[in-house]
Amino acid sequence: MAAFQDVAKQFVDHYYNTFDTNRGALAPLYRENSMLTFQSAQVLGAGGIAEKLASLPFQKVKHEIRSFESQPTPSDGIIILVAGALLVDDEQNPLNYAQSFQLSKDPSGNWFIFNDIFTLLV
């Protein structure tokens, strides 16, 4: 398995584990130039993204990853596409979703989410 695939797998596991247990802890994964598009609403910057994620109208969430794909980008980044289902609060019917991430490295060499696009599939 290529190094970018290892990073992508570790990222996906960490991101969704953290999202499902403590959304607030996702803030360090973003930077001030990061952008989130969540159901057509765009948010720029780590603070705004953390606020958007914290304001989502559910208390409990569980993501089920059905598949994910990754590729390296020319700028030494990684693009990741995730497809899955999520259960919120006490709902019995899962919601299908797709989410893409572009990971980049900051000047210190740490990975961060540069782009994050989430949509429910209806």
PDB file of N, CA and C in Angstrom:
ATOM      1  N   MET A   1       0.858  -1.184   0.000  1.00  0.00           N
ATOM      2  CA  MET A   1       0.000   0.000   0.000  1.00  0.00           C
ATOM      3  C   MET A   1       0.900   1.241   0.000  1.00  0.00           C
ATOM      4  N   ALA A   2       0.587   2.187  -0.853  1.00  0.00           N
ATOM      5  CA  ALA A   2       1.385   3.409  -0.955  1.00  0.00           C
ATOM      6  C   ALA A   2       1.238   4.250   0.311  1.00  0.00           C
ATOM      7  N   ALA A   3       2.225   5.088   0.564  1.00  0.00           N
ATOM      8  CA  ALA A   3       2.223   5.914   1.775  1.00  0.00           C
ATOM      9  C   ALA A   3       0.985   6.808   1.856  1.00  0.00           C
ATOM     10  N   PHE A   4       0.558   7.369   0.720  1.00  0.00           N
ATOM     11  CA  PHE A   4      -0.622   8.242   0.763  1.00  0.00           C
ATOM     12  C   PHE A   4      -1.862   7.472   1.181  1.00  0.00           C
ATOM     13  N   GLN A   5      -1.942   6.199   0.805  1.00  0.00           N
ATOM     14  CA  GLN A   5      -3.100   5.384   1.200  1.00  0.00           C
ATOM     15  C   GLN A   5      -3.085   5.102   2.701  1.00  0.00           C
ATOM     16  N   ASP A   6      -1.905   4.919   3.265  1.00  0.00           N
ATOM     17  CA  ASP A   6      -1.788   4.725   4.713  1.00  0.00           C
ATOM     18  C   ASP A   6      -2.249   5.978   5.458  1.00  0.00           C
ATOM     19  N   VAL A   7      -1.794   7.136   4.995  1.00  0.00           N
ATOM     20  CA  VAL A   7      -2.197   8.401   5.616  1.00  0.00           C
ATOM     21  C   VAL A   7      -3.709   8.576   5.495  1.00  0.00           C
ATOM     22  N   ALA A   8      -4.256   8.285   4.316  1.00  0.00           N
ATOM     23  CA  ALA A   8      -5.697   8.437   4.099  1.00  0.00           C
ATOM     24  C   ALA A   8      -6.497   7.535   5.038  1.00  0.00           C
ATOM     25  N   LYS A   9      -6.079   6.293   5.183  1.00  0.00           N
ATOM     26  CA  LYS A   9      -6.785   5.359   6.069  1.00  0.00           C
ATOM     27  C   LYS A   9      -6.734   5.832   7.519  1.00  0.00           C
ATOM     28  N   GLN A  10      -5.552   6.256   7.974  1.00  0.00           N
ATOM     29  CA  GLN A  10      -5.427   6.763   9.343  1.00  0.00           C
ATOM     30  C   GLN A  10      -6.285   8.011   9.537  1.00  0.00           C
ATOM     31  N   PHE A  11      -6.296   8.888   8.540  1.00  0.00           N
ATOM     32  CA  PHE A  11      -7.097  10.108   8.636  1.00  0.00           C
ATOM     33  C   PHE A  11      -8.584   9.778   8.740  1.00  0.00           C
ATOM     34  N   VAL A  12      -9.078   8.936   7.838  1.00  0.00           N
ATOM     35  CA  VAL A  12     -10.509   8.597   7.825  1.00  0.00           C
ATOM     36  C   VAL A  12     -10.914   7.981   9.167  1.00  0.00           C
ATOM     37  N   ASP A  13     -10.130   7.039   9.678  1.00  0.00           N
ATOM     38  CA  ASP A  13     -10.442   6.425  10.973  1.00  0.00           C
ATOM     39  C   ASP A  13     -10.480   7.486  12.079  1.00  0.00           C
ATOM     40  N   HIS A  14      -9.476   8.343  12.111  1.00  0.00           N
ATOM     41  CA  HIS A  14      -9.393   9.371  13.155  1.00  0.00           C
ATOM     42  C   HIS A  14     -10.527  10.392  13.029  1.00  0.00           C
ATOM     43  N   TYR A  15     -10.772  10.882  11.828  1.00  0.00           N
ATOM     44  CA  TYR A  15     -11.786  11.918  11.622  1.00  0.00           C
ATOM     45  C   TYR A  15     -13.156  11.440  12.089  1.00  0.00           C
ATOM     46  N   TYR A  16     -13.591  10.278  11.621  1.00  0.00           N
ATOM     47  CA  TYR A  16     -14.953   9.833  11.948  1.00  0.00           C
ATOM     48  C   TYR A  16     -15.072   9.347  13.387  1.00  0.00           C
ATOM     49  N   ASN A  17     -14.039   8.760  13.949  1.00  0.00           N
ATOM     50  CA  ASN A  17     -14.056   8.426  15.379  1.00  0.00           C
ATOM     51  C   ASN A  17     -14.223   9.690  16.212  1.00  0.00           C
ATOM     52  N   THR A  18     -13.453  10.710  15.864  1.00  0.00           N
ATOM     53  CA  THR A  18     -13.514  11.974  16.604  1.00  0.00           C
ATOM     54  C   THR A  18     -14.860  12.651  16.394  1.00  0.00           C
ATOM     55  N   PHE A  19     -15.346  12.671  15.156  1.00  0.00           N
ATOM     56  CA  PHE A  19     -16.641  13.303  14.877  1.00  0.00           C
ATOM     57  C   PHE A  19     -17.739  12.641  15.705  1.00  0.00           C
ATOM     58  N   ASP A  20     -17.712  11.325  15.783  1.00  0.00           N
ATOM     59  CA  ASP A  20     -18.766  10.587  16.477  1.00  0.00           C
ATOM     60  C   ASP A  20     -18.691  10.722  17.998  1.00  0.00           C
ATOM     61  N   THR A  21     -17.535  11.051  18.541  1.00  0.00           N
ATOM     62  CA  THR A  21     -17.393  11.103  19.996  1.00  0.00           C
ATOM     63  C   THR A  21     -17.215  12.517  20.553  1.00  0.00           C
ATOM     64  N   ASN A  22     -16.622  13.431  19.770  1.00  0.00           N
ATOM     65  CA  ASN A  22     -16.360  14.784  20.278  1.00  0.00           C
ATOM     66  C   ASN A  22     -16.059  15.727  19.113  1.00  0.00           C
ATOM     67  N   ARG A  23     -17.115  16.217  18.459  1.00  0.00           N
ATOM     68  CA  ARG A  23     -16.943  17.073  17.278  1.00  0.00           C
ATOM     69  C   ARG A  23     -16.013  18.247  17.523  1.00  0.00           C
ATOM     70  N   GLY A  24     -16.029  18.798  18.723  1.00  0.00           N
ATOM     71  CA  GLY A  24     -15.194  19.949  19.040  1.00  0.00           C
ATOM     72  C   GLY A  24     -13.712  19.677  18.880  1.00  0.00           C
ATOM     73  N   ALA A  25     -13.329  18.417  19.007  1.00  0.00           N
ATOM     74  CA  ALA A  25     -11.915  18.051  18.896  1.00  0.00           C
ATOM     75  C   ALA A  25     -11.429  17.997  17.448  1.00  0.00           C
ATOM     76  N   LEU A  26     -12.324  18.268  16.491  1.00  0.00           N
ATOM     77  CA  LEU A  26     -11.918  18.296  15.084  1.00  0.00           C
ATOM     78  C   LEU A  26     -11.251  19.610  14.695  1.00  0.00           C
ATOM     79  N   ALA A  27     -11.447  20.664  15.469  1.00  0.00           N
ATOM     80  CA  ALA A  27     -10.937  21.994  15.111  1.00  0.00           C
ATOM     81  C   ALA A  27      -9.453  22.005  14.752  1.00  0.00           C
ATOM     82  N   PRO A  28      -8.575  21.305  15.479  1.00  0.00           N
ATOM     83  CA  PRO A  28      -7.149  21.347  15.138  1.00  0.00           C
ATOM     84  C   PRO A  28      -6.803  20.739  13.775  1.00  0.00           C
ATOM     85  N   LEU A  29      -7.748  20.019  13.165  1.00  0.00           N
ATOM     86  CA  LEU A  29      -7.497  19.436  11.848  1.00  0.00           C
ATOM     87  C   LEU A  29      -7.634  20.463  10.726  1.00  0.00           C
ATOM     88  N   TYR A  30      -8.170  21.634  11.039  1.00  0.00           N
ATOM     89  CA  TYR A  30      -8.392  22.692  10.052  1.00  0.00           C
ATOM     90  C   TYR A  30      -7.433  23.852  10.306  1.00  0.00           C
ATOM     91  N   ARG A  31      -7.265  24.706   9.301  1.00  0.00           N
ATOM     92  CA  ARG A  31      -6.450  25.915   9.421  1.00  0.00           C
ATOM     93  C   ARG A  31      -7.296  27.106   8.982  1.00  0.00           C
ATOM     94  N   GLU A  32      -6.749  28.296   9.097  1.00  0.00           N
ATOM     95  CA  GLU A  32      -7.515  29.505   8.751  1.00  0.00           C
ATOM     96  C   GLU A  32      -7.836  29.606   7.262  1.00  0.00           C
ATOM     97  N   ASN A  33      -7.095  28.894   6.419  1.00  0.00           N
ATOM     98  CA  ASN A  33      -7.393  28.905   4.989  1.00  0.00           C
ATOM     99  C   ASN A  33      -8.201  27.678   4.552  1.00  0.00           C
ATOM    100  N   SER A  34      -8.652  26.873   5.506  1.00  0.00           N
ATOM    101  CA  SER A  34      -9.479  25.700   5.204  1.00  0.00           C
ATOM    102  C   SER A  34     -10.893  26.133   4.855  1.00  0.00           C
ATOM    103  N   MET A  35     -11.552  25.325   4.003  1.00  0.00           N
ATOM    104  CA  MET A  35     -12.944  25.603   3.652  1.00  0.00           C
ATOM    105  C   MET A  35     -13.774  24.336   3.798  1.00  0.00           C
ATOM    106  N   LEU A  36     -14.958  24.512   4.375  1.00  0.00           N
ATOM    107  CA  LEU A  36     -15.954  23.453   4.497  1.00  0.00           C
ATOM    108  C   LEU A  36     -17.167  23.850   3.668  1.00  0.00           C
ATOM    109  N   THR A  37     -17.642  22.927   2.847  1.00  0.00           N
ATOM    110  CA  THR A  37     -18.943  23.072   2.204  1.00  0.00           C
ATOM    111  C   THR A  37     -19.811  21.966   2.779  1.00  0.00           C
ATOM    112  N   PHE A  38     -20.861  22.377   3.497  1.00  0.00           N
ATOM    113  CA  PHE A  38     -21.747  21.424   4.167  1.00  0.00           C
ATOM    114  C   PHE A  38     -23.149  21.659   3.632  1.00  0.00           C
ATOM    115  N   GLN A  39     -23.612  20.734   2.783  1.00  0.00           N
ATOM    116  CA  GLN A  39     -24.939  20.885   2.180  1.00  0.00           C
ATOM    117  C   GLN A  39     -25.084  22.268   1.533  1.00  0.00           C
ATOM    118  N   SER A  40     -24.157  22.667   0.732  1.00  0.00           N
ATOM    119  CA  SER A  40     -24.138  23.928  -0.030  1.00  0.00           C
ATOM    120  C   SER A  40     -23.748  25.158   0.784  1.00  0.00           C
ATOM    121  N   ALA A  41     -23.671  25.070   2.095  1.00  0.00           N
ATOM    122  CA  ALA A  41     -23.262  26.219   2.916  1.00  0.00           C
ATOM    123  C   ALA A  41     -21.741  26.191   3.061  1.00  0.00           C
ATOM    124  N   GLN A  42     -21.094  27.277   2.665  1.00  0.00           N
ATOM    125  CA  GLN A  42     -19.632  27.329   2.729  1.00  0.00           C
ATOM    126  C   GLN A  42     -19.167  28.118   3.940  1.00  0.00           C
ATOM    127  N   VAL A  43     -18.118  27.582   4.584  1.00  0.00           N
ATOM    128  CA  VAL A  43     -17.531  28.212   5.769  1.00  0.00           C
ATOM    129  C   VAL A  43     -16.021  28.225   5.575  1.00  0.00           C
ATOM    130  N   LEU A  44     -15.398  29.371   5.848  1.00  0.00           N
ATOM    131  CA  LEU A  44     -13.953  29.509   5.697  1.00  0.00           C
ATOM    132  C   LEU A  44     -13.308  29.684   7.068  1.00  0.00           C
ATOM    133  N   GLY A  45     -12.227  28.973   7.303  1.00  0.00           N
ATOM    134  CA  GLY A  45     -11.439  29.139   8.524  1.00  0.00           C
ATOM    135  C   GLY A  45     -11.782  28.138   9.614  1.00  0.00           C
ATOM    136  N   ALA A  46     -10.750  27.784  10.377  1.00  0.00           N
ATOM    137  CA  ALA A  46     -10.890  26.769  11.423  1.00  0.00           C
ATOM    138  C   ALA A  46     -11.962  27.128  12.445  1.00  0.00           C
ATOM    139  N   GLY A  47     -11.995  28.400  12.872  1.00  0.00           N
ATOM    140  CA  GLY A  47     -12.978  28.797  13.882  1.00  0.00           C
ATOM    141  C   GLY A  47     -14.405  28.669  13.390  1.00  0.00           C
ATOM    142  N   GLY A  48     -14.657  29.144  12.175  1.00  0.00           N
ATOM    143  CA  GLY A  48     -16.003  29.049  11.602  1.00  0.00           C
ATOM    144  C   GLY A  48     -16.419  27.619  11.348  1.00  0.00           C
ATOM    145  N   ILE A  49     -15.474  26.801  10.908  1.00  0.00           N
ATOM    146  CA  ILE A  49     -15.778  25.387  10.660  1.00  0.00           C
ATOM    147  C   ILE A  49     -16.112  24.679  11.970  1.00  0.00           C
ATOM    148  N   ALA A  50     -15.327  24.920  13.012  1.00  0.00           N
ATOM    149  CA  ALA A  50     -15.604  24.312  14.316  1.00  0.00           C
ATOM    150  C   ALA A  50     -16.980  24.735  14.820  1.00  0.00           C
ATOM    151  N   GLU A  51     -17.316  26.011  14.628  1.00  0.00           N
ATOM    152  CA  GLU A  51     -18.625  26.519  15.048  1.00  0.00           C
ATOM    153  C   GLU A  51     -19.742  25.839  14.264  1.00  0.00           C
ATOM    154  N   LYS A  52     -19.564  25.682  12.954  1.00  0.00           N
ATOM    155  CA  LYS A  52     -20.573  25.020  12.116  1.00  0.00           C
ATOM    156  C   LYS A  52     -20.779  23.575  12.566  1.00  0.00           C
ATOM    157  N   LEU A  53     -19.693  22.851  12.778  1.00  0.00           N
ATOM    158  CA  LEU A  53     -19.815  21.451  13.190  1.00  0.00           C
ATOM    159  C   LEU A  53     -20.479  21.325  14.561  1.00  0.00           C
ATOM    160  N   ALA A  54     -20.152  22.232  15.469  1.00  0.00           N
ATOM    161  CA  ALA A  54     -20.753  22.198  16.808  1.00  0.00           C
ATOM    162  C   ALA A  54     -22.235  22.528  16.774  1.00  0.00           C
ATOM    163  N   SER A  55     -22.664  23.297  15.769  1.00  0.00           N
ATOM    164  CA  SER A  55     -24.059  23.743  15.703  1.00  0.00           C
ATOM    165  C   SER A  55     -24.979  22.759  14.984  1.00  0.00           C
ATOM    166  N   LEU A  56     -24.456  21.658  14.508  1.00  0.00           N
ATOM    167  CA  LEU A  56     -25.307  20.694  13.803  1.00  0.00           C
ATOM    168  C   LEU A  56     -26.398  20.197  14.752  1.00  0.00           C
ATOM    169  N   PRO A  57     -27.628  20.041  14.224  1.00  0.00           N
ATOM    170  CA  PRO A  57     -28.799  19.833  15.087  1.00  0.00           C
ATOM    171  C   PRO A  57     -29.011  18.404  15.573  1.00  0.00           C
ATOM    172  N   PHE A  58     -27.969  17.754  16.032  1.00  0.00           N
ATOM    173  CA  PHE A  58     -28.130  16.425  16.628  1.00  0.00           C
ATOM    174  C   PHE A  58     -27.121  16.280  17.754  1.00  0.00           C
ATOM    175  N   GLN A  59     -27.445  15.395  18.679  1.00  0.00           N
ATOM    176  CA  GLN A  59     -26.574  15.158  19.828  1.00  0.00           C
ATOM    177  C   GLN A  59     -25.659  13.961  19.599  1.00  0.00           C
ATOM    178  N   LYS A  60     -26.238  12.889  19.068  1.00  0.00           N
ATOM    179  CA  LYS A  60     -25.482  11.660  18.844  1.00  0.00           C
ATOM    180  C   LYS A  60     -25.384  11.402  17.346  1.00  0.00           C
ATOM    181  N   VAL A  61     -24.248  10.872  16.934  1.00  0.00           N
ATOM    182  CA  VAL A  61     -24.075  10.507  15.525  1.00  0.00           C
ATOM    183  C   VAL A  61     -23.138   9.303  15.438  1.00  0.00           C
ATOM    184  N   LYS A  62     -23.401   8.450  14.465  1.00  0.00           N
ATOM    185  CA  LYS A  62     -22.542   7.294  14.208  1.00  0.00           C
ATOM    186  C   LYS A  62     -22.385   7.158  12.702  1.00  0.00           C
ATOM    187  N   HIS A  63     -21.140   7.298  12.238  1.00  0.00           N
ATOM    188  CA  HIS A  63     -20.839   7.135  10.817  1.00  0.00           C
ATOM    189  C   HIS A  63     -20.486   5.679  10.526  1.00  0.00           C
ATOM    190  N   GLU A  64     -21.011   5.172   9.438  1.00  0.00           N
ATOM    191  CA  GLU A  64     -20.629   3.857   8.931  1.00  0.00           C
ATOM    192  C   GLU A  64     -19.960   4.082   7.581  1.00  0.00           C
ATOM    193  N   ILE A  65     -18.669   3.837   7.516  1.00  0.00           N
ATOM    194  CA  ILE A  65     -17.925   4.019   6.272  1.00  0.00           C
ATOM    195  C   ILE A  65     -18.180   2.802   5.388  1.00  0.00           C
ATOM    196  N   ARG A  66     -18.731   3.041   4.217  1.00  0.00           N
ATOM    197  CA  ARG A  66     -18.963   1.930   3.292  1.00  0.00           C
ATOM    198  C   ARG A  66     -17.800   1.778   2.324  1.00  0.00           C
ATOM    199  N   SER A  67     -17.200   2.889   1.946  1.00  0.00           N
ATOM    200  CA  SER A  67     -16.018   2.830   1.087  1.00  0.00           C
ATOM    201  C   SER A  67     -15.286   4.160   1.144  1.00  0.00           C
ATOM    202  N   PHE A  68     -14.001   4.109   0.826  1.00  0.00           N
ATOM    203  CA  PHE A  68     -13.267   5.346   0.625  1.00  0.00           C
ATOM    204  C   PHE A  68     -12.155   5.103  -0.371  1.00  0.00           C
ATOM    205  N   GLU A  69     -11.855   6.126  -1.132  1.00  0.00           N
ATOM    206  CA  GLU A  69     -10.806   6.089  -2.143  1.00  0.00           C
ATOM    207  C   GLU A  69      -9.893   7.278  -1.908  1.00  0.00           C
ATOM    208  N   SER A  70      -8.637   7.150  -2.290  1.00  0.00           N
ATOM    209  CA  SER A  70      -7.712   8.268  -2.131  1.00  0.00           C
ATOM    210  C   SER A  70      -6.735   8.299  -3.294  1.00  0.00           C
ATOM    211  N   GLN A  71      -6.220   9.495  -3.566  1.00  0.00           N
ATOM    212  CA  GLN A  71      -5.208   9.699  -4.591  1.00  0.00           C
ATOM    213  C   GLN A  71      -4.261  10.788  -4.122  1.00  0.00           C
ATOM    214  N   PRO A  72      -3.005  10.727  -4.555  1.00  0.00           N
ATOM    215  CA  PRO A  72      -2.087  11.829  -4.258  1.00  0.00           C
ATOM    216  C   PRO A  72      -2.393  13.007  -5.180  1.00  0.00           C
ATOM    217  N   THR A  73      -2.086  14.212  -4.739  1.00  0.00           N
ATOM    218  CA  THR A  73      -2.250  15.399  -5.572  1.00  0.00           C
ATOM    219  C   THR A  73      -0.871  15.938  -5.946  1.00  0.00           C
ATOM    220  N   PRO A  74      -0.789  16.751  -6.996  1.00  0.00           N
ATOM    221  CA  PRO A  74       0.512  17.262  -7.444  1.00  0.00           C
ATOM    222  C   PRO A  74       1.253  18.071  -6.376  1.00  0.00           C
ATOM    223  N   SER A  75       0.545  18.666  -5.449  1.00  0.00           N
ATOM    224  CA  SER A  75       1.172  19.507  -4.428  1.00  0.00           C
ATOM    225  C   SER A  75       1.529  18.723  -3.164  1.00  0.00           C
ATOM    226  N   ASP A  76       1.762  17.407  -3.299  1.00  0.00           N
ATOM    227  CA  ASP A  76       2.114  16.550  -2.172  1.00  0.00           C
ATOM    228  C   ASP A  76       0.976  16.429  -1.157  1.00  0.00           C
ATOM    229  N   GLY A  77      -0.252  16.576  -1.645  1.00  0.00           N
ATOM    230  CA  GLY A  77      -1.422  16.420  -0.801  1.00  0.00           C
ATOM    231  C   GLY A  77      -2.119  15.098  -1.105  1.00  0.00           C
ATOM    232  N   ILE A  78      -3.290  14.944  -0.530  1.00  0.00           N
ATOM    233  CA  ILE A  78      -4.087  13.734  -0.735  1.00  0.00           C
ATOM    234  C   ILE A  78      -5.542  14.155  -0.876  1.00  0.00           C
ATOM    235  N   ILE A  79      -6.215  13.600  -1.866  1.00  0.00           N
ATOM    236  CA  ILE A  79      -7.656  13.794  -1.986  1.00  0.00           C
ATOM    237  C   ILE A  79      -8.326  12.478  -1.594  1.00  0.00           C
ATOM    238  N   ILE A  80      -9.398  12.589  -0.803  1.00  0.00           N
ATOM    239  CA  ILE A  80     -10.085  11.413  -0.266  1.00  0.00           C
ATOM    240  C   ILE A  80     -11.583  11.562  -0.527  1.00  0.00           C
ATOM    241  N   LEU A  81     -12.202  10.497  -0.998  1.00  0.00           N
ATOM    242  CA  LEU A  81     -13.653  10.463  -1.175  1.00  0.00           C
ATOM    243  C   LEU A  81     -14.199   9.339  -0.307  1.00  0.00           C
ATOM    244  N   VAL A  82     -15.165   9.687   0.548  1.00  0.00           N
ATOM    245  CA  VAL A  82     -15.770   8.728   1.473  1.00  0.00           C
ATOM    246  C   VAL A  82     -17.259   8.607   1.146  1.00  0.00           C
ATOM    247  N   ALA A  83     -17.770   7.396   1.124  1.00  0.00           N
ATOM    248  CA  ALA A  83     -19.208   7.145   0.983  1.00  0.00           C
ATOM    249  C   ALA A  83     -19.641   6.312   2.179  1.00  0.00           C
ATOM    250  N   GLY A  84     -20.784   6.661   2.726  1.00  0.00           N
ATOM    251  CA  GLY A  84     -21.233   5.919   3.891  1.00  0.00           C
ATOM    252  C   GLY A  84     -22.651   6.261   4.286  1.00  0.00           C
ATOM    253  N   ALA A  85     -22.986   5.877   5.501  1.00  0.00           N
ATOM    254  CA  ALA A  85     -24.300   6.130   6.070  1.00  0.00           C
ATOM    255  C   ALA A  85     -24.088   6.630   7.484  1.00  0.00           C
ATOM    256  N   LEU A  86     -25.018   7.449   7.949  1.00  0.00           N
ATOM    257  CA  LEU A  86     -24.913   7.912   9.332  1.00  0.00           C
ATOM    258  C   LEU A  86     -26.265   7.834  10.016  1.00  0.00           C
ATOM    259  N   LEU A  87     -26.197   7.543  11.293  1.00  0.00           N
ATOM    260  CA  LEU A  87     -27.380   7.520  12.150  1.00  0.00           C
ATOM    261  C   LEU A  87     -27.253   8.681  13.126  1.00  0.00           C
ATOM    262  N   VAL A  88     -28.305   9.483  13.220  1.00  0.00           N
ATOM    263  CA  VAL A  88     -28.287  10.601  14.157  1.00  0.00           C
ATOM    264  C   VAL A  88     -29.345  10.404  15.231  1.00  0.00           C
ATOM    265  N   ASP A  89     -28.968  10.778  16.443  1.00  0.00           N
ATOM    266  CA  ASP A  89     -29.823  10.660  17.618  1.00  0.00           C
ATOM    267  C   ASP A  89     -30.452   9.273  17.671  1.00  0.00           C
ATOM    268  N   ASP A  90     -31.766   9.181  17.736  1.00  0.00           N
ATOM    269  CA  ASP A  90     -32.406   7.881  17.863  1.00  0.00           C
ATOM    270  C   ASP A  90     -33.077   7.424  16.575  1.00  0.00           C
ATOM    271  N   GLU A  91     -32.673   8.012  15.450  1.00  0.00           N
ATOM    272  CA  GLU A  91     -33.209   7.612  14.152  1.00  0.00           C
ATOM    273  C   GLU A  91     -32.865   6.155  13.863  1.00  0.00           C
ATOM    274  N   GLN A  92     -33.772   5.457  13.228  1.00  0.00           N
ATOM    275  CA  GLN A  92     -33.541   4.067  12.845  1.00  0.00           C
ATOM    276  C   GLN A  92     -33.116   3.943  11.386  1.00  0.00           C
ATOM    277  N   ASN A  93     -33.436   4.965  10.588  1.00  0.00           N
ATOM    278  CA  ASN A  93     -33.110   4.929   9.167  1.00  0.00           C
ATOM    279  C   ASN A  93     -31.831   5.713   8.901  1.00  0.00           C
ATOM    280  N   PRO A  94     -30.804   5.040   8.396  1.00  0.00           N
ATOM    281  CA  PRO A  94     -29.543   5.743   8.134  1.00  0.00           C
ATOM    282  C   PRO A  94     -29.676   6.713   6.959  1.00  0.00           C
ATOM    283  N   LEU A  95     -28.883   7.779   7.000  1.00  0.00           N
ATOM    284  CA  LEU A  95     -28.806   8.760   5.927  1.00  0.00           C
ATOM    285  C   LEU A  95     -27.528   8.496   5.148  1.00  0.00           C
ATOM    286  N   ASN A  96     -27.637   8.343   3.840  1.00  0.00           N
ATOM    287  CA  ASN A  96     -26.458   8.130   3.008  1.00  0.00           C
ATOM    288  C   ASN A  96     -25.770   9.462   2.759  1.00  0.00           C
ATOM    289  N   TYR A  97     -24.452   9.439   2.719  1.00  0.00           N
ATOM    290  CA  TYR A  97     -23.700  10.670   2.499  1.00  0.00           C
ATOM    291  C   TYR A  97     -22.448  10.388   1.676  1.00  0.00           C
ATOM    292  N   ALA A  98     -21.912  11.461   1.125  1.00  0.00           N
ATOM    293  CA  ALA A  98     -20.591  11.436   0.500  1.00  0.00           C
ATOM    294  C   ALA A  98     -19.821  12.619   1.065  1.00  0.00           C
ATOM    295  N   GLN A  99     -18.531  12.422   1.273  1.00  0.00           N
ATOM    296  CA  GLN A  99     -17.690  13.489   1.807  1.00  0.00           C
ATOM    297  C   GLN A  99     -16.324  13.389   1.155  1.00  0.00           C
ATOM    298  N   SER A 100     -15.812  14.529   0.735  1.00  0.00           N
ATOM    299  CA  SER A 100     -14.466  14.547   0.161  1.00  0.00           C
ATOM    300  C   SER A 100     -13.586  15.479   0.981  1.00  0.00           C
ATOM    301  N   PHE A 101     -12.326  15.126   1.056  1.00  0.00           N
ATOM    302  CA  PHE A 101     -11.327  15.907   1.779  1.00  0.00           C
ATOM    303  C   PHE A 101     -10.123  16.107   0.874  1.00  0.00           C
ATOM    304  N   GLN A 102      -9.536  17.280   0.939  1.00  0.00           N
ATOM    305  CA  GLN A 102      -8.215  17.479   0.387  1.00  0.00           C
ATOM    306  C   GLN A 102      -7.297  17.765   1.563  1.00  0.00           C
ATOM    307  N   LEU A 103      -6.349  16.874   1.776  1.00  0.00           N
ATOM    308  CA  LEU A 103      -5.384  17.054   2.852  1.00  0.00           C
ATOM    309  C   LEU A 103      -4.134  17.724   2.289  1.00  0.00           C
ATOM    310  N   SER A 104      -3.590  18.660   3.051  1.00  0.00           N
ATOM    311  CA  SER A 104      -2.350  19.348   2.693  1.00  0.00           C
ATOM    312  C   SER A 104      -1.439  19.330   3.910  1.00  0.00           C
ATOM    313  N   LYS A 105      -0.208  19.730   3.705  1.00  0.00           N
ATOM    314  CA  LYS A 105       0.733  19.847   4.816  1.00  0.00           C
ATOM    315  C   LYS A 105       0.969  21.321   5.124  1.00  0.00           C
ATOM    316  N   ASP A 106       1.016  21.653   6.415  1.00  0.00           N
ATOM    317  CA  ASP A 106       1.337  23.026   6.806  1.00  0.00           C
ATOM    318  C   ASP A 106       2.864  23.200   6.766  1.00  0.00           C
ATOM    319  N   PRO A 107       3.370  24.419   7.002  1.00  0.00           N
ATOM    320  CA  PRO A 107       4.823  24.636   6.929  1.00  0.00           C
ATOM    321  C   PRO A 107       5.640  23.743   7.870  1.00  0.00           C
ATOM    322  N   SER A 108       5.005  23.234   8.928  1.00  0.00           N
ATOM    323  CA  SER A 108       5.703  22.330   9.855  1.00  0.00           C
ATOM    324  C   SER A 108       5.661  20.876   9.391  1.00  0.00           C
ATOM    325  N   GLY A 109       4.964  20.627   8.290  1.00  0.00           N
ATOM    326  CA  GLY A 109       4.857  19.257   7.779  1.00  0.00           C
ATOM    327  C   GLY A 109       3.714  18.458   8.351  1.00  0.00           C
ATOM    328  N   ASN A 110       2.820  19.110   9.095  1.00  0.00           N
ATOM    329  CA  ASN A 110       1.654  18.427   9.671  1.00  0.00           C
ATOM    330  C   ASN A 110       0.493  18.437   8.680  1.00  0.00           C
ATOM    331  N   TRP A 111      -0.198  17.307   8.596  1.00  0.00           N
ATOM    332  CA  TRP A 111      -1.362  17.216   7.721  1.00  0.00           C
ATOM    333  C   TRP A 111      -2.512  18.033   8.286  1.00  0.00           C
ATOM    334  N   PHE A 112      -3.284  18.676   7.403  1.00  0.00           N
ATOM    335  CA  PHE A 112      -4.510  19.367   7.801  1.00  0.00           C
ATOM    336  C   PHE A 112      -5.523  19.269   6.667  1.00  0.00           C
ATOM    337  N   ILE A 113      -6.775  19.548   7.000  1.00  0.00           N
ATOM    338  CA  ILE A 113      -7.845  19.523   6.005  1.00  0.00           C
ATOM    339  C   ILE A 113      -7.889  20.894   5.334  1.00  0.00           C
ATOM    340  N   PHE A 114      -7.574  20.927   4.048  1.00  0.00           N
ATOM    341  CA  PHE A 114      -7.650  22.169   3.290  1.00  0.00           C
ATOM    342  C   PHE A 114      -9.066  22.363   2.755  1.00  0.00           C
ATOM    343  N   ASN A 115      -9.645  21.300   2.180  1.00  0.00           N
ATOM    344  CA  ASN A 115     -11.024  21.334   1.680  1.00  0.00           C
ATOM    345  C   ASN A 115     -11.796  20.170   2.260  1.00  0.00           C
ATOM    346  N   ASP A 116     -13.058  20.423   2.581  1.00  0.00           N
ATOM    347  CA  ASP A 116     -13.956  19.416   3.148  1.00  0.00           C
ATOM    348  C   ASP A 116     -15.328  19.680   2.548  1.00  0.00           C
ATOM    349  N   ILE A 117     -15.848  18.727   1.773  1.00  0.00           N
ATOM    350  CA  ILE A 117     -17.156  18.872   1.149  1.00  0.00           C
ATOM    351  C   ILE A 117     -18.028  17.712   1.607  1.00  0.00           C
ATOM    352  N   PHE A 118     -19.184  18.030   2.186  1.00  0.00           N
ATOM    353  CA  PHE A 118     -20.107  17.020   2.713  1.00  0.00           C
ATOM    354  C   PHE A 118     -21.465  17.221   2.077  1.00  0.00           C
ATOM    355  N   THR A 119     -22.087  16.120   1.653  1.00  0.00           N
ATOM    356  CA  THR A 119     -23.460  16.186   1.151  1.00  0.00           C
ATOM    357  C   THR A 119     -24.213  14.917   1.499  1.00  0.00           C
ATOM    358  N   LEU A 120     -25.480  15.103   1.842  1.00  0.00           N
ATOM    359  CA  LEU A 120     -26.376  13.962   2.030  1.00  0.00           C
ATOM    360  C   LEU A 120     -26.848  13.504   0.649  1.00  0.00           C
ATOM    361  N   LEU A 121     -26.962  12.220   0.466  1.00  0.00           N
ATOM    362  CA  LEU A 121     -27.428  11.665  -0.809  1.00  0.00           C
ATOM    363  C   LEU A 121     -28.889  11.282  -0.645  1.00  0.00           C
ATOM    364  N   VAL A 122     -29.735  12.004  -1.330  1.00  0.00           N
ATOM    365  CA  VAL A 122     -31.176  11.758  -1.195  1.00  0.00           C
ATOM    366  C   VAL A 122     -31.785  11.221  -2.461  1.00  0.00           C
TER     367      VAL A 122
END
